[in-house]
């Protein structure tokens, strides 16, 4: 699973469509807007962002990371991958099948 945040004022629909069509992800969850506070270039910043959770496989992660970097409007996007140790076998197989090229 991969986590990222997207700026609220950027359209995410075309990005999700692209990632799905390119079979880089099986599913994308967009959460309600959150307010993020962080340090950027040594200064405190606050922005409204959409948390995004992407379901993919370890094999597809490198291509997904590259595509996200290319599509993301941030200079340094948050892209964090978390290994899935266990899950419903049928669901995990579906993710595998949906991202197979």
N, C-alpha and C. Protein backbone atom coordinates (compact mmCIF):
# COMPACT_ATOMS: atom_id res chain seq x y z
N UNK A 1 0.85 -1.17 0.00
CA UNK A 1 0.00 0.00 0.00
C UNK A 1 0.89 1.23 0.00
N UNK A 2 0.44 2.24 -0.69
CA UNK A 2 1.21 3.47 -0.84
C UNK A 2 0.34 4.64 -0.39
N UNK A 3 0.98 5.53 0.34
CA UNK A 3 0.30 6.70 0.88
C UNK A 3 0.89 7.95 0.25
N UNK A 4 0.02 8.90 -0.12
CA UNK A 4 0.47 10.20 -0.57
C UNK A 4 -0.58 11.22 -0.20
N UNK A 5 -0.22 12.48 -0.28
CA UNK A 5 -1.17 13.58 -0.08
C UNK A 5 -1.15 14.44 -1.32
N UNK A 6 -2.32 14.90 -1.72
CA UNK A 6 -2.47 15.70 -2.93
C UNK A 6 -3.04 17.06 -2.55
N UNK A 7 -2.55 18.14 -3.15
CA UNK A 7 -3.11 19.45 -2.81
C UNK A 7 -4.60 19.52 -3.19
N UNK A 8 -5.37 20.11 -2.31
CA UNK A 8 -6.82 20.17 -2.51
C UNK A 8 -7.20 20.87 -3.81
N UNK A 9 -6.42 21.85 -4.22
CA UNK A 9 -6.79 22.65 -5.39
C UNK A 9 -6.34 22.05 -6.72
N UNK A 10 -5.85 20.82 -6.72
CA UNK A 10 -5.46 20.14 -7.97
C UNK A 10 -6.42 18.98 -8.23
N UNK A 11 -6.86 18.85 -9.48
CA UNK A 11 -7.78 17.78 -9.85
C UNK A 11 -7.08 16.43 -9.74
N UNK A 12 -7.68 15.54 -9.02
CA UNK A 12 -7.11 14.21 -8.81
C UNK A 12 -7.74 13.17 -9.72
N UNK A 13 -8.85 13.50 -10.36
CA UNK A 13 -9.57 12.53 -11.18
C UNK A 13 -8.74 12.01 -12.34
N UNK A 14 -8.09 12.90 -13.07
CA UNK A 14 -7.30 12.44 -14.22
C UNK A 14 -6.10 11.60 -13.76
N UNK A 15 -5.54 11.93 -12.60
CA UNK A 15 -4.42 11.16 -12.06
C UNK A 15 -4.87 9.76 -11.69
N UNK A 16 -5.99 9.64 -10.98
CA UNK A 16 -6.46 8.31 -10.59
C UNK A 16 -6.82 7.49 -11.83
N UNK A 17 -7.45 8.13 -12.81
CA UNK A 17 -7.79 7.41 -14.05
C UNK A 17 -6.52 6.89 -14.73
N UNK A 18 -5.49 7.71 -14.78
CA UNK A 18 -4.22 7.32 -15.41
C UNK A 18 -3.60 6.13 -14.68
N UNK A 19 -3.51 6.21 -13.36
CA UNK A 19 -2.89 5.14 -12.59
C UNK A 19 -3.65 3.82 -12.72
N UNK A 20 -4.98 3.90 -12.78
CA UNK A 20 -5.79 2.69 -12.96
C UNK A 20 -5.62 2.13 -14.37
N UNK A 21 -5.68 2.99 -15.37
CA UNK A 21 -5.56 2.53 -16.76
C UNK A 21 -4.19 1.92 -17.04
N UNK A 22 -3.15 2.46 -16.39
CA UNK A 22 -1.80 1.94 -16.59
C UNK A 22 -1.51 0.72 -15.71
N UNK A 23 -2.51 0.26 -14.98
CA UNK A 23 -2.42 -0.91 -14.11
C UNK A 23 -1.31 -0.78 -13.07
N UNK A 24 -1.10 0.45 -12.61
CA UNK A 24 -0.13 0.68 -11.55
C UNK A 24 -0.76 0.47 -10.18
N UNK A 25 -2.07 0.56 -10.12
CA UNK A 25 -2.83 0.35 -8.88
C UNK A 25 -4.09 -0.44 -9.19
N UNK A 26 -4.58 -1.12 -8.16
CA UNK A 26 -5.85 -1.83 -8.29
C UNK A 26 -6.99 -0.99 -7.75
N UNK A 27 -6.68 -0.12 -6.79
CA UNK A 27 -7.71 0.67 -6.12
C UNK A 27 -7.06 1.92 -5.53
N UNK A 28 -7.84 3.00 -5.50
CA UNK A 28 -7.37 4.25 -4.91
C UNK A 28 -8.47 4.77 -3.99
N UNK A 29 -8.09 5.06 -2.75
CA UNK A 29 -9.02 5.67 -1.80
C UNK A 29 -8.61 7.13 -1.60
N UNK A 30 -9.58 8.02 -1.77
CA UNK A 30 -9.38 9.45 -1.50
C UNK A 30 -10.13 9.78 -0.22
N UNK A 31 -9.42 10.33 0.73
CA UNK A 31 -10.03 10.67 2.01
C UNK A 31 -10.48 12.13 2.00
N UNK A 32 -11.30 12.51 2.98
CA UNK A 32 -11.69 13.92 3.07
C UNK A 32 -10.46 14.81 3.29
N UNK A 33 -10.61 16.05 2.93
CA UNK A 33 -9.52 17.02 3.04
C UNK A 33 -9.07 17.14 4.49
N UNK A 34 -7.75 17.22 4.66
CA UNK A 34 -7.14 17.44 5.97
C UNK A 34 -6.29 18.71 5.90
N UNK A 35 -6.00 19.25 7.07
CA UNK A 35 -5.07 20.38 7.15
C UNK A 35 -3.74 19.81 7.61
N UNK A 36 -2.72 20.00 6.79
CA UNK A 36 -1.38 19.49 7.10
C UNK A 36 -0.48 20.66 7.50
N UNK A 37 0.28 20.45 8.56
CA UNK A 37 1.27 21.44 9.00
C UNK A 37 2.63 20.76 8.97
N UNK A 38 3.63 21.45 8.43
CA UNK A 38 4.94 20.84 8.22
C UNK A 38 6.00 21.93 8.05
N UNK A 39 7.25 21.51 8.09
CA UNK A 39 8.36 22.42 7.83
C UNK A 39 8.79 22.24 6.38
N UNK A 40 8.86 23.33 5.64
CA UNK A 40 9.32 23.29 4.26
C UNK A 40 10.29 24.44 4.05
N UNK A 41 11.47 24.13 3.56
CA UNK A 41 12.53 25.13 3.37
C UNK A 41 12.79 25.91 4.65
N UNK A 42 12.74 25.20 5.79
CA UNK A 42 13.04 25.80 7.07
C UNK A 42 11.94 26.64 7.68
N UNK A 43 10.78 26.69 7.03
CA UNK A 43 9.67 27.51 7.52
C UNK A 43 8.43 26.66 7.78
N UNK A 44 7.66 26.99 8.82
CA UNK A 44 6.38 26.30 9.03
C UNK A 44 5.40 26.62 7.90
N UNK A 45 4.72 25.60 7.43
CA UNK A 45 3.71 25.75 6.37
C UNK A 45 2.43 25.03 6.79
N UNK A 46 1.33 25.46 6.25
CA UNK A 46 0.05 24.79 6.45
C UNK A 46 -0.67 24.75 5.11
N UNK A 47 -1.23 23.60 4.77
CA UNK A 47 -1.97 23.49 3.52
C UNK A 47 -3.11 22.48 3.67
N UNK A 48 -4.06 22.60 2.79
CA UNK A 48 -5.19 21.66 2.75
C UNK A 48 -4.87 20.60 1.71
N UNK A 49 -4.94 19.33 2.13
CA UNK A 49 -4.56 18.24 1.26
C UNK A 49 -5.58 17.11 1.31
N UNK A 50 -5.55 16.30 0.25
CA UNK A 50 -6.37 15.10 0.16
C UNK A 50 -5.47 13.90 0.39
N UNK A 51 -5.64 13.17 1.50
CA UNK A 51 -4.88 11.94 1.70
C UNK A 51 -5.35 10.88 0.70
N UNK A 52 -4.39 10.18 0.12
CA UNK A 52 -4.69 9.18 -0.91
C UNK A 52 -3.97 7.87 -0.55
N UNK A 53 -4.73 6.78 -0.57
CA UNK A 53 -4.19 5.46 -0.30
C UNK A 53 -4.32 4.63 -1.57
N UNK A 54 -3.19 4.10 -2.05
CA UNK A 54 -3.16 3.36 -3.31
C UNK A 54 -2.81 1.90 -3.04
N UNK A 55 -3.54 0.99 -3.66
CA UNK A 55 -3.28 -0.44 -3.50
C UNK A 55 -2.56 -0.94 -4.73
N UNK A 56 -1.36 -1.50 -4.50
CA UNK A 56 -0.54 -2.03 -5.58
C UNK A 56 0.24 -3.23 -5.07
N UNK A 57 1.17 -3.71 -5.85
CA UNK A 57 2.02 -4.82 -5.44
C UNK A 57 3.47 -4.33 -5.34
N UNK A 58 4.29 -5.12 -4.67
CA UNK A 58 5.72 -4.78 -4.56
C UNK A 58 6.36 -4.70 -5.95
N UNK A 59 5.94 -5.57 -6.85
CA UNK A 59 6.50 -5.57 -8.21
C UNK A 59 6.17 -4.28 -8.97
N UNK A 60 4.98 -3.73 -8.74
CA UNK A 60 4.54 -2.54 -9.47
C UNK A 60 4.96 -1.24 -8.79
N UNK A 61 5.45 -1.35 -7.54
CA UNK A 61 5.80 -0.13 -6.80
C UNK A 61 6.80 0.78 -7.53
N UNK A 62 7.93 0.28 -8.04
CA UNK A 62 8.88 1.20 -8.69
C UNK A 62 8.25 2.03 -9.82
N UNK A 63 7.45 1.40 -10.64
CA UNK A 63 6.79 2.13 -11.74
C UNK A 63 5.77 3.12 -11.19
N UNK A 64 5.04 2.73 -10.14
CA UNK A 64 4.07 3.63 -9.53
C UNK A 64 4.78 4.84 -8.94
N UNK A 65 5.88 4.61 -8.24
CA UNK A 65 6.62 5.73 -7.65
C UNK A 65 7.06 6.72 -8.73
N UNK A 66 7.61 6.22 -9.81
CA UNK A 66 8.06 7.10 -10.90
C UNK A 66 6.90 7.88 -11.51
N UNK A 67 5.79 7.20 -11.69
CA UNK A 67 4.62 7.87 -12.30
C UNK A 67 4.05 8.92 -11.36
N UNK A 68 3.98 8.60 -10.06
CA UNK A 68 3.49 9.57 -9.10
C UNK A 68 4.38 10.81 -9.06
N UNK A 69 5.70 10.59 -9.08
CA UNK A 69 6.62 11.73 -9.10
C UNK A 69 6.39 12.60 -10.32
N UNK A 70 6.12 11.99 -11.46
CA UNK A 70 5.90 12.75 -12.70
C UNK A 70 4.57 13.51 -12.68
N UNK A 71 3.54 12.92 -12.08
CA UNK A 71 2.21 13.52 -12.09
C UNK A 71 1.97 14.49 -10.94
N UNK A 72 2.71 14.34 -9.87
CA UNK A 72 2.44 15.11 -8.65
C UNK A 72 2.88 16.56 -8.80
N UNK A 73 2.06 17.50 -8.32
CA UNK A 73 2.43 18.91 -8.46
C UNK A 73 3.48 19.38 -7.46
N UNK A 74 3.73 18.62 -6.40
CA UNK A 74 4.72 19.03 -5.40
C UNK A 74 6.14 18.79 -5.90
N UNK A 75 7.04 19.64 -5.48
CA UNK A 75 8.47 19.47 -5.76
C UNK A 75 8.99 18.19 -5.11
N UNK A 76 8.54 17.91 -3.90
CA UNK A 76 8.94 16.72 -3.17
C UNK A 76 7.68 16.07 -2.59
N UNK A 77 7.02 15.20 -3.38
CA UNK A 77 5.78 14.59 -2.90
C UNK A 77 6.03 13.54 -1.82
N UNK A 78 5.09 13.44 -0.92
CA UNK A 78 5.11 12.35 0.06
C UNK A 78 4.67 11.08 -0.67
N UNK A 79 5.57 10.11 -0.74
CA UNK A 79 5.25 8.80 -1.31
C UNK A 79 5.83 7.78 -0.34
N UNK A 80 4.96 7.13 0.40
CA UNK A 80 5.38 6.18 1.42
C UNK A 80 4.73 4.83 1.15
N UNK A 81 5.56 3.80 1.03
CA UNK A 81 5.05 2.45 0.79
C UNK A 81 5.10 1.67 2.10
N UNK A 82 4.04 0.92 2.35
CA UNK A 82 3.94 0.08 3.54
C UNK A 82 3.68 -1.35 3.06
N UNK A 83 4.52 -2.26 3.50
CA UNK A 83 4.34 -3.66 3.10
C UNK A 83 3.10 -4.25 3.75
N UNK A 84 2.40 -5.05 2.99
CA UNK A 84 1.25 -5.77 3.51
C UNK A 84 1.72 -7.17 3.88
N UNK A 85 1.71 -7.47 5.15
CA UNK A 85 2.19 -8.77 5.62
C UNK A 85 1.12 -9.84 5.51
N UNK A 86 -0.12 -9.46 5.74
CA UNK A 86 -1.22 -10.40 5.65
C UNK A 86 -2.46 -9.68 5.14
N UNK A 87 -3.40 -10.46 4.66
CA UNK A 87 -4.66 -9.92 4.20
C UNK A 87 -5.52 -11.05 3.67
N UNK A 88 -6.75 -10.73 3.38
CA UNK A 88 -7.65 -11.72 2.81
C UNK A 88 -7.04 -12.23 1.50
N UNK A 89 -6.72 -13.50 1.40
CA UNK A 89 -6.05 -14.01 0.21
C UNK A 89 -6.76 -13.65 -1.10
N UNK A 90 -8.06 -13.75 -1.13
CA UNK A 90 -8.79 -13.44 -2.37
C UNK A 90 -8.62 -11.96 -2.75
N UNK A 91 -8.60 -11.07 -1.75
CA UNK A 91 -8.41 -9.65 -2.03
C UNK A 91 -7.00 -9.39 -2.55
N UNK A 92 -6.01 -9.97 -1.90
CA UNK A 92 -4.63 -9.79 -2.34
C UNK A 92 -4.42 -10.34 -3.75
N UNK A 93 -5.10 -11.43 -4.07
CA UNK A 93 -5.01 -11.98 -5.44
C UNK A 93 -5.66 -11.03 -6.43
N UNK A 94 -6.76 -10.40 -6.03
CA UNK A 94 -7.42 -9.42 -6.90
C UNK A 94 -6.48 -8.25 -7.20
N UNK A 95 -5.77 -7.76 -6.17
CA UNK A 95 -4.81 -6.66 -6.39
C UNK A 95 -3.73 -7.12 -7.37
N UNK A 96 -3.24 -8.32 -7.17
CA UNK A 96 -2.22 -8.88 -8.07
C UNK A 96 -2.75 -8.94 -9.51
N UNK A 97 -3.96 -9.48 -9.68
CA UNK A 97 -4.55 -9.60 -11.01
C UNK A 97 -4.81 -8.24 -11.66
N UNK A 98 -5.27 -7.28 -10.87
CA UNK A 98 -5.62 -5.96 -11.41
C UNK A 98 -4.40 -5.17 -11.83
N UNK A 99 -3.23 -5.51 -11.30
CA UNK A 99 -2.02 -4.75 -11.64
C UNK A 99 -1.07 -5.54 -12.54
N UNK A 100 -1.48 -6.71 -12.95
CA UNK A 100 -0.62 -7.52 -13.82
C UNK A 100 -0.58 -6.93 -15.23
N UNK A 101 0.62 -6.89 -15.78
CA UNK A 101 0.77 -6.36 -17.15
C UNK A 101 1.24 -7.45 -18.09
